[in-house]
């Protein structure tokens, strides 16, 4: 599809097409950067909460068997 479009463009039309595509790409990247800047606060806190809860759960799951082994050895 792109090859068919590129073959049809020549000279001034090709430059115009490339310019429009570059502006669209710049707009997409700019909007992505803005979205990432805004969303990073919420994503970061969400990840931290999940890591903390998983850490607490693992600590709970591993500490119980350790206590049982310690008490049996006494």
PDB file of N, CA and C in Angstrom:
ATOM      1  N   UNK A   1       0.819  -1.190   0.000  1.00  0.00           N
ATOM      2  CA  UNK A   1       0.000   0.000   0.000  1.00  0.00           C
ATOM      3  C   UNK A   1       0.867   1.261   0.000  1.00  0.00           C
ATOM      4  N   UNK A   2       1.874   1.286   0.913  1.00  0.00           N
ATOM      5  CA  UNK A   2       2.736   2.464   0.981  1.00  0.00           C
ATOM      6  C   UNK A   2       3.583   2.610  -0.279  1.00  0.00           C
ATOM      7  N   UNK A   3       3.987   1.480  -0.839  1.00  0.00           N
ATOM      8  CA  UNK A   3       4.760   1.557  -2.078  1.00  0.00           C
ATOM      9  C   UNK A   3       3.920   2.162  -3.192  1.00  0.00           C
ATOM     10  N   UNK A   4       2.664   1.805  -3.255  1.00  0.00           N
ATOM     11  CA  UNK A   4       1.790   2.368  -4.285  1.00  0.00           C
ATOM     12  C   UNK A   4       1.629   3.870  -4.081  1.00  0.00           C
ATOM     13  N   UNK A   5       1.519   4.296  -2.825  1.00  0.00           N
ATOM     14  CA  UNK A   5       1.402   5.726  -2.546  1.00  0.00           C
ATOM     15  C   UNK A   5       2.696   6.462  -2.870  1.00  0.00           C
ATOM     16  N   UNK A   6       3.823   5.860  -2.541  1.00  0.00           N
ATOM     17  CA  UNK A   6       5.104   6.513  -2.762  1.00  0.00           C
ATOM     18  C   UNK A   6       5.417   6.644  -4.250  1.00  0.00           C
ATOM     19  N   UNK A   7       4.996   5.683  -5.037  1.00  0.00           N
ATOM     20  CA  UNK A   7       5.269   5.736  -6.477  1.00  0.00           C
ATOM     21  C   UNK A   7       4.491   6.874  -7.121  1.00  0.00           C
ATOM     22  N   UNK A   8       3.299   7.118  -6.645  1.00  0.00           N
ATOM     23  CA  UNK A   8       2.460   8.146  -7.250  1.00  0.00           C
ATOM     24  C   UNK A   8       2.953   9.557  -6.909  1.00  0.00           C
ATOM     25  N   UNK A   9       3.622   9.719  -5.764  1.00  0.00           N
ATOM     26  CA  UNK A   9       4.098  11.039  -5.387  1.00  0.00           C
ATOM     27  C   UNK A   9       5.453  11.303  -6.026  1.00  0.00           C
ATOM     28  N   UNK A  10       5.620  12.503  -6.528  1.00  0.00           N
ATOM     29  CA  UNK A  10       6.909  12.887  -7.100  1.00  0.00           C
ATOM     30  C   UNK A  10       7.085  14.393  -6.924  1.00  0.00           C
ATOM     31  N   UNK A  11       8.305  14.789  -6.654  1.00  0.00           N
ATOM     32  CA  UNK A  11       8.612  16.207  -6.560  1.00  0.00           C
ATOM     33  C   UNK A  11       7.921  16.900  -5.408  1.00  0.00           C
ATOM     34  N   UNK A  12       7.185  17.945  -5.718  1.00  0.00           N
ATOM     35  CA  UNK A  12       6.511  18.784  -4.718  1.00  0.00           C
ATOM     36  C   UNK A  12       5.468  17.998  -3.916  1.00  0.00           C
ATOM     37  N   UNK A  13       4.718  17.124  -4.575  1.00  0.00           N
ATOM     38  CA  UNK A  13       3.698  16.334  -3.876  1.00  0.00           C
ATOM     39  C   UNK A  13       4.332  15.387  -2.865  1.00  0.00           C
ATOM     40  N   UNK A  14       5.465  14.826  -3.201  1.00  0.00           N
ATOM     41  CA  UNK A  14       6.165  13.936  -2.281  1.00  0.00           C
ATOM     42  C   UNK A  14       6.621  14.701  -1.037  1.00  0.00           C
ATOM     43  N   UNK A  15       7.169  15.880  -1.237  1.00  0.00           N
ATOM     44  CA  UNK A  15       7.614  16.696  -0.111  1.00  0.00           C
ATOM     45  C   UNK A  15       6.447  17.108   0.776  1.00  0.00           C
ATOM     46  N   UNK A  16       5.323  17.436   0.154  1.00  0.00           N
ATOM     47  CA  UNK A  16       4.135  17.803   0.913  1.00  0.00           C
ATOM     48  C   UNK A  16       3.629  16.615   1.740  1.00  0.00           C
ATOM     49  N   UNK A  17       3.593  15.444   1.126  1.00  0.00           N
ATOM     50  CA  UNK A  17       3.159  14.227   1.827  1.00  0.00           C
ATOM     51  C   UNK A  17       4.078  13.942   3.008  1.00  0.00           C
ATOM     52  N   UNK A  18       5.379  14.000   2.793  1.00  0.00           N
ATOM     53  CA  UNK A  18       6.335  13.740   3.871  1.00  0.00           C
ATOM     54  C   UNK A  18       6.195  14.763   4.992  1.00  0.00           C
ATOM     55  N   UNK A  19       5.975  16.006   4.649  1.00  0.00           N
ATOM     56  CA  UNK A  19       5.794  17.041   5.663  1.00  0.00           C
ATOM     57  C   UNK A  19       4.565  16.806   6.517  1.00  0.00           C
ATOM     58  N   UNK A  20       3.475  16.422   5.872  1.00  0.00           N
ATOM     59  CA  UNK A  20       2.240  16.148   6.612  1.00  0.00           C
ATOM     60  C   UNK A  20       2.425  14.943   7.529  1.00  0.00           C
ATOM     61  N   UNK A  21       3.067  13.902   7.017  1.00  0.00           N
ATOM     62  CA  UNK A  21       3.309  12.712   7.838  1.00  0.00           C
ATOM     63  C   UNK A  21       4.203  13.059   9.025  1.00  0.00           C
ATOM     64  N   UNK A  22       5.205  13.889   8.825  1.00  0.00           N
ATOM     65  CA  UNK A  22       6.082  14.295   9.928  1.00  0.00           C
ATOM     66  C   UNK A  22       5.325  15.102  10.983  1.00  0.00           C
ATOM     67  N   UNK A  23       4.442  15.973  10.558  1.00  0.00           N
ATOM     68  CA  UNK A  23       3.653  16.756  11.522  1.00  0.00           C
ATOM     69  C   UNK A  23       2.712  15.861  12.323  1.00  0.00           C
ATOM     70  N   UNK A  24       2.107  14.900  11.655  1.00  0.00           N
ATOM     71  CA  UNK A  24       1.230  13.953  12.358  1.00  0.00           C
ATOM     72  C   UNK A  24       2.034  13.137  13.369  1.00  0.00           C
ATOM     73  N   UNK A  25       3.213  12.670  12.961  1.00  0.00           N
ATOM     74  CA  UNK A  25       4.065  11.900  13.874  1.00  0.00           C
ATOM     75  C   UNK A  25       4.488  12.744  15.075  1.00  0.00           C
ATOM     76  N   UNK A  26       4.833  14.003  14.828  1.00  0.00           N
ATOM     77  CA  UNK A  26       5.222  14.891  15.930  1.00  0.00           C
ATOM     78  C   UNK A  26       4.057  15.111  16.893  1.00  0.00           C
ATOM     79  N   UNK A  27       2.843  15.250  16.351  1.00  0.00           N
ATOM     80  CA  UNK A  27       1.666  15.431  17.205  1.00  0.00           C
ATOM     81  C   UNK A  27       1.399  14.187  18.046  1.00  0.00           C
ATOM     82  N   UNK A  28       1.556  13.017  17.449  1.00  0.00           N
ATOM     83  CA  UNK A  28       1.338  11.763  18.194  1.00  0.00           C
ATOM     84  C   UNK A  28       2.368  11.622  19.310  1.00  0.00           C
ATOM     85  N   UNK A  29       3.635  11.857  19.006  1.00  0.00           N
ATOM     86  CA  UNK A  29       4.675  11.747  20.029  1.00  0.00           C
ATOM     87  C   UNK A  29       4.506  12.784  21.124  1.00  0.00           C
ATOM     88  N   UNK A  30       4.132  13.989  20.778  1.00  0.00           N
ATOM     89  CA  UNK A  30       3.913  15.030  21.784  1.00  0.00           C
ATOM     90  C   UNK A  30       2.762  14.656  22.706  1.00  0.00           C
ATOM     91  N   UNK A  31       1.667  14.162  22.139  1.00  0.00           N
ATOM     92  CA  UNK A  31       0.533  13.768  22.974  1.00  0.00           C
ATOM     93  C   UNK A  31       0.889  12.585  23.865  1.00  0.00           C
ATOM     94  N   UNK A  32       1.729  11.670  23.364  1.00  0.00           N
ATOM     95  CA  UNK A  32       2.157  10.534  24.170  1.00  0.00           C
ATOM     96  C   UNK A  32       3.019  11.006  25.340  1.00  0.00           C
ATOM     97  N   UNK A  33       3.912  11.947  25.096  1.00  0.00           N
ATOM     98  CA  UNK A  33       4.777  12.465  26.162  1.00  0.00           C
ATOM     99  C   UNK A  33       3.943  13.172  27.225  1.00  0.00           C
ATOM    100  N   UNK A  34       2.971  13.961  26.805  1.00  0.00           N
ATOM    101  CA  UNK A  34       2.097  14.651  27.759  1.00  0.00           C
ATOM    102  C   UNK A  34       1.290  13.648  28.567  1.00  0.00           C
ATOM    103  N   UNK A  35       0.756  12.623  27.897  1.00  0.00           N
ATOM    104  CA  UNK A  35      -0.020  11.602  28.604  1.00  0.00           C
ATOM    105  C   UNK A  35       0.856  10.876  29.616  1.00  0.00           C
ATOM    106  N   UNK A  36       2.077  10.525  29.216  1.00  0.00           N
ATOM    107  CA  UNK A  36       2.971   9.816  30.131  1.00  0.00           C
ATOM    108  C   UNK A  36       3.324  10.672  31.336  1.00  0.00           C
ATOM    109  N   UNK A  37       3.514  11.963  31.132  1.00  0.00           N
ATOM    110  CA  UNK A  37       3.835  12.855  32.249  1.00  0.00           C
ATOM    111  C   UNK A  37       2.677  12.930  33.238  1.00  0.00           C
ATOM    112  N   UNK A  38       1.461  12.974  32.720  1.00  0.00           N
ATOM    113  CA  UNK A  38       0.289  13.042  33.605  1.00  0.00           C
ATOM    114  C   UNK A  38       0.006  11.709  34.275  1.00  0.00           C
ATOM    115  N   UNK A  39       0.123  10.620  33.536  1.00  0.00           N
ATOM    116  CA  UNK A  39      -0.246   9.300  34.054  1.00  0.00           C
ATOM    117  C   UNK A  39       0.834   8.696  34.940  1.00  0.00           C
ATOM    118  N   UNK A  40       2.047   9.173  34.852  1.00  0.00           N
ATOM    119  CA  UNK A  40       3.138   8.554  35.602  1.00  0.00           C
ATOM    120  C   UNK A  40       2.909   8.609  37.109  1.00  0.00           C
ATOM    121  N   UNK A  41       2.283   9.669  37.593  1.00  0.00           N
ATOM    122  CA  UNK A  41       2.022   9.777  39.026  1.00  0.00           C
ATOM    123  C   UNK A  41       1.099   8.663  39.503  1.00  0.00           C
ATOM    124  N   UNK A  42       0.045   8.419  38.747  1.00  0.00           N
ATOM    125  CA  UNK A  42      -0.922   7.402  39.132  1.00  0.00           C
ATOM    126  C   UNK A  42      -0.377   5.999  38.907  1.00  0.00           C
ATOM    127  N   UNK A  43       0.340   5.804  37.831  1.00  0.00           N
ATOM    128  CA  UNK A  43       0.908   4.487  37.549  1.00  0.00           C
ATOM    129  C   UNK A  43       1.956   4.141  38.601  1.00  0.00           C
ATOM    130  N   UNK A  44       2.785   5.101  38.968  1.00  0.00           N
ATOM    131  CA  UNK A  44       3.822   4.882  39.959  1.00  0.00           C
ATOM    132  C   UNK A  44       3.222   4.498  41.306  1.00  0.00           C
ATOM    133  N   UNK A  45       2.216   5.227  41.757  1.00  0.00           N
ATOM    134  CA  UNK A  45       1.615   4.904  43.056  1.00  0.00           C
ATOM    135  C   UNK A  45       0.907   3.555  43.012  1.00  0.00           C
ATOM    136  N   UNK A  46       0.297   3.219  41.895  1.00  0.00           N
ATOM    137  CA  UNK A  46      -0.372   1.928  41.761  1.00  0.00           C
ATOM    138  C   UNK A  46       0.633   0.787  41.826  1.00  0.00           C
ATOM    139  N   UNK A  47       1.743   0.935  41.147  1.00  0.00           N
ATOM    140  CA  UNK A  47       2.774  -0.104  41.165  1.00  0.00           C
ATOM    141  C   UNK A  47       3.351  -0.249  42.565  1.00  0.00           C
ATOM    142  N   UNK A  48       3.604   0.883  43.235  1.00  0.00           N
ATOM    143  CA  UNK A  48       4.156   0.818  44.589  1.00  0.00           C
ATOM    144  C   UNK A  48       3.196   0.105  45.546  1.00  0.00           C
ATOM    145  N   UNK A  49       1.899   0.380  45.441  1.00  0.00           N
ATOM    146  CA  UNK A  49       0.923  -0.280  46.300  1.00  0.00           C
ATOM    147  C   UNK A  49       0.905  -1.785  46.062  1.00  0.00           C
ATOM    148  N   UNK A  50       0.955  -2.184  44.796  1.00  0.00           N
ATOM    149  CA  UNK A  50       0.943  -3.615  44.473  1.00  0.00           C
ATOM    150  C   UNK A  50       2.197  -4.308  44.978  1.00  0.00           C
ATOM    151  N   UNK A  51       3.337  -3.654  44.828  1.00  0.00           N
ATOM    152  CA  UNK A  51       4.590  -4.247  45.310  1.00  0.00           C
ATOM    153  C   UNK A  51       4.560  -4.369  46.828  1.00  0.00           C
ATOM    154  N   UNK A  52       4.094  -3.340  47.513  1.00  0.00           N
ATOM    155  CA  UNK A  52       4.025  -3.390  48.977  1.00  0.00           C
ATOM    156  C   UNK A  52       3.091  -4.485  49.456  1.00  0.00           C
ATOM    157  N   UNK A  53       1.926  -4.632  48.822  1.00  0.00           N
ATOM    158  CA  UNK A  53       0.991  -5.670  49.262  1.00  0.00           C
ATOM    159  C   UNK A  53       1.535  -7.061  48.969  1.00  0.00           C
ATOM    160  N   UNK A  54       2.204  -7.236  47.826  1.00  0.00           N
ATOM    161  CA  UNK A  54       2.806  -8.535  47.527  1.00  0.00           C
ATOM    162  C   UNK A  54       3.942  -8.852  48.487  1.00  0.00           C
ATOM    163  N   UNK A  55       4.716  -7.839  48.843  1.00  0.00           N
ATOM    164  CA  UNK A  55       5.816  -8.044  49.786  1.00  0.00           C
ATOM    165  C   UNK A  55       5.272  -8.454  51.152  1.00  0.00           C
ATOM    166  N   UNK A  56       4.214  -7.796  51.593  1.00  0.00           N
ATOM    167  CA  UNK A  56       3.617  -8.135  52.893  1.00  0.00           C
ATOM    168  C   UNK A  56       3.051  -9.552  52.868  1.00  0.00           C
ATOM    169  N   UNK A  57       2.421  -9.922  51.763  1.00  0.00           N
ATOM    170  CA  UNK A  57       1.844 -11.266  51.649  1.00  0.00           C
ATOM    171  C   UNK A  57       2.945 -12.321  51.659  1.00  0.00           C
ATOM    172  N   UNK A  58       4.023 -12.064  50.942  1.00  0.00           N
ATOM    173  CA  UNK A  58       5.127 -13.029  50.916  1.00  0.00           C
ATOM    174  C   UNK A  58       5.787 -13.142  52.279  1.00  0.00           C
ATOM    175  N   UNK A  59       5.926 -12.007  52.946  1.00  0.00           N
ATOM    176  CA  UNK A  59       6.529 -12.028  54.282  1.00  0.00           C
ATOM    177  C   UNK A  59       5.665 -12.843  55.224  1.00  0.00           C
ATOM    178  N   UNK A  60       4.362 -12.681  55.128  1.00  0.00           N
ATOM    179  CA  UNK A  60       3.431 -13.447  55.972  1.00  0.00           C
ATOM    180  C   UNK A  60       3.519 -14.932  55.651  1.00  0.00           C
ATOM    181  N   UNK A  61       3.579 -15.262  54.356  1.00  0.00           N
ATOM    182  CA  UNK A  61       3.606 -16.666  53.949  1.00  0.00           C
ATOM    183  C   UNK A  61       4.928 -17.344  54.289  1.00  0.00           C
ATOM    184  N   UNK A  62       6.016 -16.610  54.318  1.00  0.00           N
ATOM    185  CA  UNK A  62       7.304 -17.232  54.618  1.00  0.00           C
ATOM    186  C   UNK A  62       7.641 -17.184  56.101  1.00  0.00           C
ATOM    187  N   UNK A  63       7.113 -16.232  56.843  1.00  0.00           N
ATOM    188  CA  UNK A  63       7.470 -16.127  58.253  1.00  0.00           C
ATOM    189  C   UNK A  63       6.813 -17.234  59.080  1.00  0.00           C
ATOM    190  N   UNK A  64       5.620 -17.642  58.726  1.00  0.00           N
ATOM    191  CA  UNK A  64       4.927 -18.691  59.489  1.00  0.00           C
ATOM    192  C   UNK A  64       5.703 -20.006  59.463  1.00  0.00           C
ATOM    193  N   UNK A  65       6.103 -20.522  58.317  1.00  0.00           N
ATOM    194  CA  UNK A  65       6.890 -21.761  58.332  1.00  0.00           C
ATOM    195  C   UNK A  65       8.215 -21.615  59.062  1.00  0.00           C
ATOM    196  N   UNK A  66       8.841 -20.440  58.982  1.00  0.00           N
ATOM    197  CA  UNK A  66      10.112 -20.236  59.692  1.00  0.00           C
ATOM    198  C   UNK A  66       9.911 -20.313  61.190  1.00  0.00           C
ATOM    199  N   UNK A  67       8.838 -19.763  61.693  1.00  0.00           N
ATOM    200  CA  UNK A  67       8.547 -19.798  63.130  1.00  0.00           C
ATOM    201  C   UNK A  67       8.283 -21.242  63.551  1.00  0.00           C
ATOM    202  N   UNK A  68       7.551 -21.979  62.742  1.00  0.00           N
ATOM    203  CA  UNK A  68       7.243 -23.367  63.072  1.00  0.00           C
ATOM    204  C   UNK A  68       8.529 -24.199  63.127  1.00  0.00           C
ATOM    205  N   UNK A  69       9.426 -24.011  62.223  1.00  0.00           N
ATOM    206  CA  UNK A  69      10.692 -24.740  62.239  1.00  0.00           C
ATOM    207  C   UNK A  69      11.503 -24.358  63.459  1.00  0.00           C
ATOM    208  N   UNK A  70      11.511 -23.068  63.779  1.00  0.00           N
ATOM    209  CA  UNK A  70      12.256 -22.610  64.952  1.00  0.00           C
ATOM    210  C   UNK A  70      11.691 -23.223  66.221  1.00  0.00           C
ATOM    211  N   UNK A  71      10.375 -23.295  66.345  1.00  0.00           N
ATOM    212  CA  UNK A  71       9.765 -23.848  67.557  1.00  0.00           C
ATOM    213  C   UNK A  71       9.976 -25.369  67.649  1.00  0.00           C
ATOM    214  N   UNK A  72      10.003 -26.057  66.538  1.00  0.00           N
ATOM    215  CA  UNK A  72      10.211 -27.513  66.564  1.00  0.00           C
ATOM    216  C   UNK A  72      11.635 -27.858  66.961  1.00  0.00           C
ATOM    217  N   UNK A  73      12.577 -26.996  66.644  1.00  0.00           N
ATOM    218  CA  UNK A  73      13.969 -27.297  66.966  1.00  0.00           C
ATOM    219  C   UNK A  73      14.289 -27.055  68.430  1.00  0.00           C
ATOM    220  N   UNK A  74      13.440 -26.409  69.132  1.00  0.00           N
ATOM    221  CA  UNK A  74      13.697 -26.124  70.559  1.00  0.00           C
ATOM    222  C   UNK A  74      13.372 -27.282  71.409  1.00  0.00           C
TER     223      UNK A  74
END
